[in-house]
Amino acid sequence: MAKSDYRGGCQCGRVRYRARGEPIVAAICHCTTCRRAHSAPAVAWAMFEQERVEFEGGESIEYRGTPDAARRFCPVCGSQVSFTADYLPGLIDIAVASLDAPESVQPAFHFWHSEHLAWAEFADDLPRFPEFPPQDGDDG
């Protein structure tokens, strides 16, 4: 396994994946949808090119909360492991906490901080964006 390979999976081990190469970015999402989907105050994501992620082992189930986004989770234990969206073509977010070595990926910023829970403030100095961070070519 190359040094930049990441492996992980669900809580029960049925759904497993391998991500080759380094994440494009890692960040902590505070949006209501991610919080509800994970039953957690925030979710750390690592974004990879979709072609670099291979699912191994048992089949996962897809849930579409909206027509343009899909979350994949284990049908046995319910752990969510990934997120894809039409507005992020060719990319996949992997839940950092589902990695076998989650400490190996360091988030670079917080996003959707406008929806964060006041009692769940992180003690870090990472940038916080009210929604998505500015993209290359965005005005402002």
N, C-alpha and C. Protein backbone atom coordinates (compact mmCIF):
# COMPACT_ATOMS: atom_id res chain seq x y z
N MET A 1 0.85 -1.18 0.00
CA MET A 1 0.00 0.00 0.00
C MET A 1 0.89 1.24 0.00
N ALA A 2 0.64 2.15 -0.91
CA ALA A 2 1.41 3.38 -1.00
C ALA A 2 1.19 4.23 0.24
N LYS A 3 2.14 5.09 0.53
CA LYS A 3 2.06 5.93 1.71
C LYS A 3 0.82 6.83 1.67
N SER A 4 0.40 7.22 0.49
CA SER A 4 -0.75 8.11 0.37
C SER A 4 -2.07 7.38 0.13
N ASP A 5 -2.12 6.11 0.50
CA ASP A 5 -3.38 5.37 0.45
C ASP A 5 -4.10 5.54 1.78
N TYR A 6 -5.41 5.67 1.70
CA TYR A 6 -6.23 5.76 2.90
C TYR A 6 -7.26 4.64 2.82
N ARG A 7 -7.42 3.95 3.91
CA ARG A 7 -8.43 2.89 3.99
C ARG A 7 -9.36 3.19 5.14
N GLY A 8 -10.58 2.71 4.99
CA GLY A 8 -11.55 2.92 6.05
C GLY A 8 -12.82 2.15 5.76
N GLY A 9 -13.83 2.42 6.57
CA GLY A 9 -15.10 1.74 6.39
C GLY A 9 -16.07 2.06 7.50
N CYS A 10 -17.13 1.30 7.49
CA CYS A 10 -18.20 1.51 8.46
C CYS A 10 -17.84 0.88 9.82
N GLN A 11 -18.71 1.07 10.78
CA GLN A 11 -18.46 0.58 12.14
C GLN A 11 -18.36 -0.95 12.20
N CYS A 12 -19.21 -1.65 11.47
CA CYS A 12 -19.21 -3.11 11.57
C CYS A 12 -18.20 -3.77 10.63
N GLY A 13 -17.64 -3.01 9.69
CA GLY A 13 -16.62 -3.55 8.80
C GLY A 13 -17.15 -4.11 7.49
N ARG A 14 -18.46 -4.11 7.29
CA ARG A 14 -19.02 -4.66 6.05
C ARG A 14 -18.64 -3.80 4.84
N VAL A 15 -18.79 -2.48 4.95
CA VAL A 15 -18.45 -1.58 3.86
C VAL A 15 -17.03 -1.07 4.07
N ARG A 16 -16.17 -1.30 3.11
CA ARG A 16 -14.77 -0.88 3.19
C ARG A 16 -14.44 -0.09 1.93
N TYR A 17 -13.48 0.81 2.02
CA TYR A 17 -13.04 1.57 0.87
C TYR A 17 -11.53 1.80 0.94
N ARG A 18 -11.01 2.18 -0.22
CA ARG A 18 -9.60 2.59 -0.34
C ARG A 18 -9.58 3.86 -1.18
N ALA A 19 -8.90 4.88 -0.68
CA ALA A 19 -8.73 6.14 -1.42
C ALA A 19 -7.24 6.27 -1.73
N ARG A 20 -6.92 6.40 -3.00
CA ARG A 20 -5.52 6.51 -3.44
C ARG A 20 -5.16 7.98 -3.62
N GLY A 21 -4.00 8.36 -3.10
CA GLY A 21 -3.54 9.73 -3.23
C GLY A 21 -4.01 10.58 -2.07
N GLU A 22 -3.55 11.80 -2.07
CA GLU A 22 -3.90 12.72 -0.99
C GLU A 22 -5.26 13.35 -1.25
N PRO A 23 -5.99 13.69 -0.18
CA PRO A 23 -7.26 14.40 -0.37
C PRO A 23 -7.02 15.76 -1.03
N ILE A 24 -7.98 16.21 -1.79
CA ILE A 24 -7.93 17.54 -2.38
C ILE A 24 -8.00 18.57 -1.26
N VAL A 25 -8.87 18.32 -0.31
CA VAL A 25 -9.04 19.20 0.84
C VAL A 25 -9.77 18.40 1.92
N ALA A 26 -9.60 18.81 3.15
CA ALA A 26 -10.38 18.25 4.25
C ALA A 26 -10.93 19.42 5.04
N ALA A 27 -12.17 19.30 5.49
CA ALA A 27 -12.82 20.40 6.19
C ALA A 27 -13.91 19.87 7.10
N ILE A 28 -14.36 20.72 8.01
CA ILE A 28 -15.40 20.35 8.97
C ILE A 28 -16.69 21.07 8.59
N CYS A 29 -17.73 20.29 8.33
CA CYS A 29 -19.02 20.85 7.94
C CYS A 29 -19.95 20.96 9.15
N HIS A 30 -20.63 22.08 9.24
CA HIS A 30 -21.57 22.33 10.32
C HIS A 30 -23.01 22.44 9.81
N CYS A 31 -23.26 22.09 8.55
CA CYS A 31 -24.62 22.26 8.01
C CYS A 31 -25.60 21.33 8.71
N THR A 32 -26.83 21.76 8.75
CA THR A 32 -27.89 20.99 9.41
C THR A 32 -28.02 19.60 8.80
N THR A 33 -27.91 19.49 7.48
CA THR A 33 -28.09 18.20 6.81
C THR A 33 -27.02 17.20 7.24
N CYS A 34 -25.76 17.62 7.26
CA CYS A 34 -24.69 16.71 7.70
C CYS A 34 -24.84 16.35 9.16
N ARG A 35 -25.20 17.35 9.99
CA ARG A 35 -25.37 17.06 11.41
C ARG A 35 -26.47 16.03 11.62
N ARG A 36 -27.58 16.17 10.92
CA ARG A 36 -28.67 15.19 11.07
C ARG A 36 -28.29 13.82 10.52
N ALA A 37 -27.62 13.80 9.37
CA ALA A 37 -27.25 12.53 8.75
C ALA A 37 -26.30 11.72 9.63
N HIS A 38 -25.45 12.40 10.40
CA HIS A 38 -24.47 11.73 11.26
C HIS A 38 -24.88 11.73 12.73
N SER A 39 -25.97 12.42 13.05
CA SER A 39 -26.37 12.57 14.46
C SER A 39 -25.19 13.07 15.29
N ALA A 40 -24.55 14.11 14.77
CA ALA A 40 -23.35 14.66 15.39
C ALA A 40 -23.35 16.19 15.27
N PRO A 41 -22.62 16.89 16.12
CA PRO A 41 -22.60 18.34 16.06
C PRO A 41 -21.86 18.91 14.84
N ALA A 42 -21.01 18.14 14.20
CA ALA A 42 -20.28 18.54 12.99
C ALA A 42 -19.69 17.28 12.36
N VAL A 43 -19.30 17.39 11.08
CA VAL A 43 -18.74 16.25 10.36
C VAL A 43 -17.49 16.69 9.61
N ALA A 44 -16.41 15.97 9.80
CA ALA A 44 -15.18 16.23 9.05
C ALA A 44 -15.21 15.39 7.78
N TRP A 45 -14.92 16.03 6.65
CA TRP A 45 -14.91 15.37 5.34
C TRP A 45 -13.54 15.50 4.70
N ALA A 46 -13.13 14.49 3.97
CA ALA A 46 -11.94 14.54 3.12
C ALA A 46 -12.41 14.33 1.68
N MET A 47 -12.10 15.28 0.82
CA MET A 47 -12.56 15.23 -0.57
C MET A 47 -11.48 14.62 -1.46
N PHE A 48 -11.90 13.65 -2.27
CA PHE A 48 -11.02 12.97 -3.21
C PHE A 48 -11.63 13.02 -4.60
N GLU A 49 -10.79 12.82 -5.61
CA GLU A 49 -11.31 12.58 -6.95
C GLU A 49 -12.02 11.24 -6.89
N GLN A 50 -13.23 11.18 -7.43
CA GLN A 50 -14.05 9.98 -7.31
C GLN A 50 -13.37 8.75 -7.93
N GLU A 51 -12.61 8.96 -9.00
CA GLU A 51 -11.94 7.82 -9.66
C GLU A 51 -10.85 7.21 -8.79
N ARG A 52 -10.45 7.89 -7.72
CA ARG A 52 -9.38 7.39 -6.84
C ARG A 52 -9.93 6.64 -5.62
N VAL A 53 -11.25 6.53 -5.54
CA VAL A 53 -11.87 5.84 -4.40
C VAL A 53 -12.54 4.57 -4.89
N GLU A 54 -12.17 3.46 -4.26
CA GLU A 54 -12.75 2.16 -4.59
C GLU A 54 -13.44 1.60 -3.36
N PHE A 55 -14.68 1.17 -3.52
CA PHE A 55 -15.39 0.52 -2.43
C PHE A 55 -15.14 -0.97 -2.54
N GLU A 56 -14.84 -1.58 -1.41
CA GLU A 56 -14.50 -3.00 -1.33
C GLU A 56 -15.44 -3.64 -0.32
N GLY A 57 -15.57 -4.92 -0.35
CA GLY A 57 -16.41 -5.60 0.65
C GLY A 57 -17.88 -5.46 0.33
N GLY A 58 -18.69 -5.35 1.38
CA GLY A 58 -20.14 -5.33 1.22
C GLY A 58 -20.68 -4.10 0.53
N GLU A 59 -21.86 -4.26 -0.03
CA GLU A 59 -22.53 -3.16 -0.71
C GLU A 59 -23.04 -2.12 0.28
N SER A 60 -22.93 -0.86 -0.12
CA SER A 60 -23.50 0.21 0.67
C SER A 60 -24.85 0.59 0.07
N ILE A 61 -25.60 1.36 0.80
CA ILE A 61 -26.92 1.84 0.36
C ILE A 61 -26.83 3.34 0.13
N GLU A 62 -27.50 3.81 -0.90
CA GLU A 62 -27.51 5.23 -1.22
C GLU A 62 -28.80 5.86 -0.70
N TYR A 63 -28.65 7.02 -0.10
CA TYR A 63 -29.80 7.82 0.34
C TYR A 63 -29.69 9.19 -0.31
N ARG A 64 -30.75 9.62 -0.97
CA ARG A 64 -30.80 10.94 -1.60
C ARG A 64 -31.79 11.81 -0.83
N GLY A 65 -31.27 12.71 -0.03
CA GLY A 65 -32.11 13.66 0.69
C GLY A 65 -32.62 14.75 -0.24
N THR A 66 -31.85 15.00 -1.30
CA THR A 66 -32.24 15.93 -2.36
C THR A 66 -31.89 15.25 -3.68
N PRO A 67 -32.50 15.68 -4.78
CA PRO A 67 -32.23 15.03 -6.06
C PRO A 67 -30.78 15.14 -6.53
N ASP A 68 -30.03 16.13 -6.03
CA ASP A 68 -28.68 16.36 -6.55
C ASP A 68 -27.56 15.89 -5.62
N ALA A 69 -27.89 15.18 -4.53
CA ALA A 69 -26.85 14.74 -3.60
C ALA A 69 -27.17 13.34 -3.06
N ALA A 70 -26.11 12.56 -2.84
CA ALA A 70 -26.29 11.19 -2.34
C ALA A 70 -25.31 10.92 -1.20
N ARG A 71 -25.80 10.25 -0.19
CA ARG A 71 -24.99 9.78 0.93
C ARG A 71 -25.01 8.26 0.88
N ARG A 72 -23.84 7.64 1.11
CA ARG A 72 -23.76 6.18 1.11
C ARG A 72 -23.48 5.72 2.53
N PHE A 73 -24.19 4.67 2.92
CA PHE A 73 -24.05 4.15 4.28
C PHE A 73 -24.18 2.64 4.28
N CYS A 74 -23.77 2.05 5.39
CA CYS A 74 -23.83 0.60 5.55
C CYS A 74 -25.25 0.17 5.89
N PRO A 75 -25.78 -0.86 5.20
CA PRO A 75 -27.13 -1.33 5.51
C PRO A 75 -27.22 -2.12 6.81
N VAL A 76 -26.08 -2.51 7.38
CA VAL A 76 -26.08 -3.29 8.62
C VAL A 76 -25.98 -2.39 9.84
N CYS A 77 -24.91 -1.57 9.91
CA CYS A 77 -24.70 -0.74 11.11
C CYS A 77 -25.18 0.70 10.94
N GLY A 78 -25.45 1.14 9.71
CA GLY A 78 -25.96 2.48 9.47
C GLY A 78 -24.91 3.57 9.35
N SER A 79 -23.64 3.23 9.45
CA SER A 79 -22.59 4.24 9.36
C SER A 79 -22.55 4.88 7.97
N GLN A 80 -22.56 6.22 7.95
CA GLN A 80 -22.41 6.92 6.68
C GLN A 80 -20.93 7.06 6.38
N VAL A 81 -20.54 6.75 5.13
CA VAL A 81 -19.12 6.81 4.78
C VAL A 81 -18.81 7.82 3.68
N SER A 82 -19.80 8.21 2.85
CA SER A 82 -19.45 9.12 1.75
C SER A 82 -20.61 10.02 1.37
N PHE A 83 -20.25 11.06 0.62
CA PHE A 83 -21.20 12.05 0.11
C PHE A 83 -20.76 12.44 -1.29
N THR A 84 -21.69 12.46 -2.23
CA THR A 84 -21.45 12.98 -3.57
C THR A 84 -22.57 13.93 -3.93
N ALA A 85 -22.29 14.85 -4.84
CA ALA A 85 -23.30 15.82 -5.27
C ALA A 85 -23.06 16.23 -6.71
N ASP A 86 -24.14 16.51 -7.41
CA ASP A 86 -24.04 16.95 -8.79
C ASP A 86 -23.23 18.24 -8.91
N TYR A 87 -23.27 19.09 -7.88
CA TYR A 87 -22.53 20.35 -7.93
C TYR A 87 -21.05 20.17 -7.60
N LEU A 88 -20.63 18.92 -7.35
CA LEU A 88 -19.21 18.57 -7.16
C LEU A 88 -18.87 17.41 -8.10
N PRO A 89 -18.98 17.64 -9.42
CA PRO A 89 -18.80 16.53 -10.36
C PRO A 89 -17.40 15.92 -10.27
N GLY A 90 -17.38 14.58 -10.25
CA GLY A 90 -16.12 13.86 -10.22
C GLY A 90 -15.43 13.82 -8.87
N LEU A 91 -16.12 14.30 -7.83
CA LEU A 91 -15.54 14.34 -6.49
C LEU A 91 -16.39 13.55 -5.52
N ILE A 92 -15.74 13.06 -4.47
CA ILE A 92 -16.45 12.33 -3.42
C ILE A 92 -15.87 12.76 -2.08
N ASP A 93 -16.74 13.00 -1.13
CA ASP A 93 -16.32 13.28 0.24
C ASP A 93 -16.37 11.98 1.02
N ILE A 94 -15.32 11.71 1.76
CA ILE A 94 -15.24 10.56 2.65
C ILE A 94 -15.28 11.08 4.08
N ALA A 95 -16.11 10.49 4.92
CA ALA A 95 -16.18 10.90 6.32
C ALA A 95 -14.85 10.57 6.99
N VAL A 96 -14.17 11.60 7.49
CA VAL A 96 -12.84 11.42 8.08
C VAL A 96 -12.89 10.42 9.23
N ALA A 97 -13.94 10.46 10.04
CA ALA A 97 -14.03 9.55 11.18
C ALA A 97 -14.19 8.09 10.75
N SER A 98 -14.51 7.83 9.47
CA SER A 98 -14.61 6.45 8.99
C SER A 98 -13.26 5.90 8.53
N LEU A 99 -12.24 6.73 8.47
CA LEU A 99 -10.90 6.27 8.11
C LEU A 99 -10.33 5.37 9.20
N ASP A 100 -9.53 4.40 8.82
CA ASP A 100 -8.86 3.57 9.81
C ASP A 100 -7.91 4.40 10.67
N ALA A 101 -7.35 5.46 10.08
CA ALA A 101 -6.44 6.36 10.80
C ALA A 101 -6.93 7.80 10.61
N PRO A 102 -8.03 8.18 11.27
CA PRO A 102 -8.60 9.51 11.05
C PRO A 102 -7.66 10.66 11.41
N GLU A 103 -6.72 10.41 12.30
CA GLU A 103 -5.77 11.47 12.66
C GLU A 103 -4.80 11.79 11.53
N SER A 104 -4.79 10.99 10.47
CA SER A 104 -3.89 11.21 9.35
C SER A 104 -4.37 12.32 8.41
N VAL A 105 -5.59 12.78 8.58
CA VAL A 105 -6.15 13.85 7.74
C VAL A 105 -6.49 15.03 8.64
N GLN A 106 -5.89 16.17 8.34
CA GLN A 106 -6.11 17.38 9.14
C GLN A 106 -7.03 18.33 8.38
N PRO A 107 -8.18 18.70 8.94
CA PRO A 107 -9.05 19.68 8.28
C PRO A 107 -8.35 21.03 8.14
N ALA A 108 -8.69 21.75 7.05
CA ALA A 108 -8.09 23.05 6.77
C ALA A 108 -9.00 24.21 7.14
N PHE A 109 -10.30 23.97 7.27
CA PHE A 109 -11.24 25.04 7.60
C PHE A 109 -12.57 24.44 8.03
N HIS A 110 -13.45 25.30 8.52
CA HIS A 110 -14.84 24.96 8.84
C HIS A 110 -15.71 25.60 7.77
N PHE A 111 -16.78 24.91 7.36
CA PHE A 111 -17.73 25.53 6.45
C PHE A 111 -19.15 25.31 6.94
N TRP A 112 -20.08 26.10 6.39
CA TRP A 112 -21.45 26.19 6.88
C TRP A 112 -21.45 26.51 8.39
N HIS A 113 -20.48 27.33 8.79
CA HIS A 113 -20.38 27.71 10.20
C HIS A 113 -21.57 28.54 10.64
N SER A 114 -22.29 29.13 9.70
CA SER A 114 -23.50 29.90 10.04
C SER A 114 -24.57 29.01 10.67
N GLU A 115 -24.45 27.68 10.50
CA GLU A 115 -25.42 26.74 11.06
C GLU A 115 -24.84 25.94 12.23
N HIS A 116 -23.68 26.33 12.72
CA HIS A 116 -23.06 25.56 13.81
C HIS A 116 -23.88 25.69 15.10
N LEU A 117 -23.72 24.68 15.94
CA LEU A 117 -24.36 24.70 17.25
C LEU A 117 -23.48 25.51 18.20
N ALA A 118 -24.07 26.49 18.85
CA ALA A 118 -23.30 27.40 19.71
C ALA A 118 -22.54 26.66 20.81
N TRP A 119 -23.08 25.55 21.29
CA TRP A 119 -22.42 24.81 22.37
C TRP A 119 -21.34 23.86 21.87
N ALA A 120 -21.14 23.82 20.55
CA ALA A 120 -20.15 22.90 19.97
C ALA A 120 -19.08 23.69 19.21
N GLU A 121 -18.47 24.65 19.88
CA GLU A 121 -17.43 25.44 19.24
C GLU A 121 -16.09 24.71 19.35
N PHE A 122 -15.37 24.64 18.24
CA PHE A 122 -14.06 23.99 18.22
C PHE A 122 -12.99 24.96 18.70
N ALA A 123 -12.05 24.47 19.47
CA ALA A 123 -10.96 25.29 20.00
C ALA A 123 -9.77 25.23 19.05
N ASP A 124 -9.94 25.75 17.85
CA ASP A 124 -8.85 25.80 16.87
C ASP A 124 -8.86 27.18 16.23
N ASP A 125 -7.84 27.43 15.43
CA ASP A 125 -7.76 28.72 14.75
C ASP A 125 -7.97 28.57 13.24
N LEU A 126 -8.66 27.50 12.82
CA LEU A 126 -8.93 27.30 11.41
C LEU A 126 -9.93 28.35 10.91
N PRO A 127 -9.83 28.76 9.66
CA PRO A 127 -10.80 29.71 9.10
C PRO A 127 -12.22 29.13 9.17
N ARG A 128 -13.19 30.02 9.34
CA ARG A 128 -14.60 29.64 9.39
C ARG A 128 -15.35 30.41 8.32
N PHE A 129 -16.09 29.66 7.49
CA PHE A 129 -16.86 30.26 6.42
C PHE A 129 -18.34 30.07 6.71
N PRO A 130 -19.17 31.11 6.53
CA PRO A 130 -20.60 30.98 6.85
C PRO A 130 -21.30 29.93 5.98
N GLU A 131 -20.85 29.76 4.75
CA GLU A 131 -21.38 28.73 3.86
C GLU A 131 -20.19 28.01 3.25
N PHE A 132 -20.14 27.90 1.91
CA PHE A 132 -18.97 27.31 1.27
C PHE A 132 -17.86 28.33 1.22
N PRO A 133 -16.61 27.89 1.25
CA PRO A 133 -15.50 28.84 1.10
C PRO A 133 -15.47 29.37 -0.33
N PRO A 134 -14.87 30.55 -0.54
CA PRO A 134 -14.76 31.08 -1.91
C PRO A 134 -13.99 30.10 -2.81
N GLN A 135 -14.43 29.97 -4.03
CA GLN A 135 -13.78 29.09 -5.01
C GLN A 135 -12.96 29.93 -5.95
N ASP A 136 -12.00 29.32 -6.64
CA ASP A 136 -11.25 30.04 -7.67
C ASP A 136 -12.24 30.61 -8.67
N GLY A 137 -12.10 31.89 -8.97
CA GLY A 137 -12.98 32.53 -9.95
C GLY A 137 -14.21 33.17 -9.33
N ASP A 138 -14.47 32.93 -8.01
CA ASP A 138 -15.59 33.60 -7.36
C ASP A 138 -15.28 35.08 -7.22
N ASP A 139 -16.29 35.90 -7.36
CA ASP A 139 -16.12 37.34 -7.14
C ASP A 139 -16.05 37.60 -5.65
N GLY A 140 -15.23 38.55 -5.27
CA GLY A 140 -15.15 38.95 -3.87
C GLY A 140 -14.08 38.27 -3.20
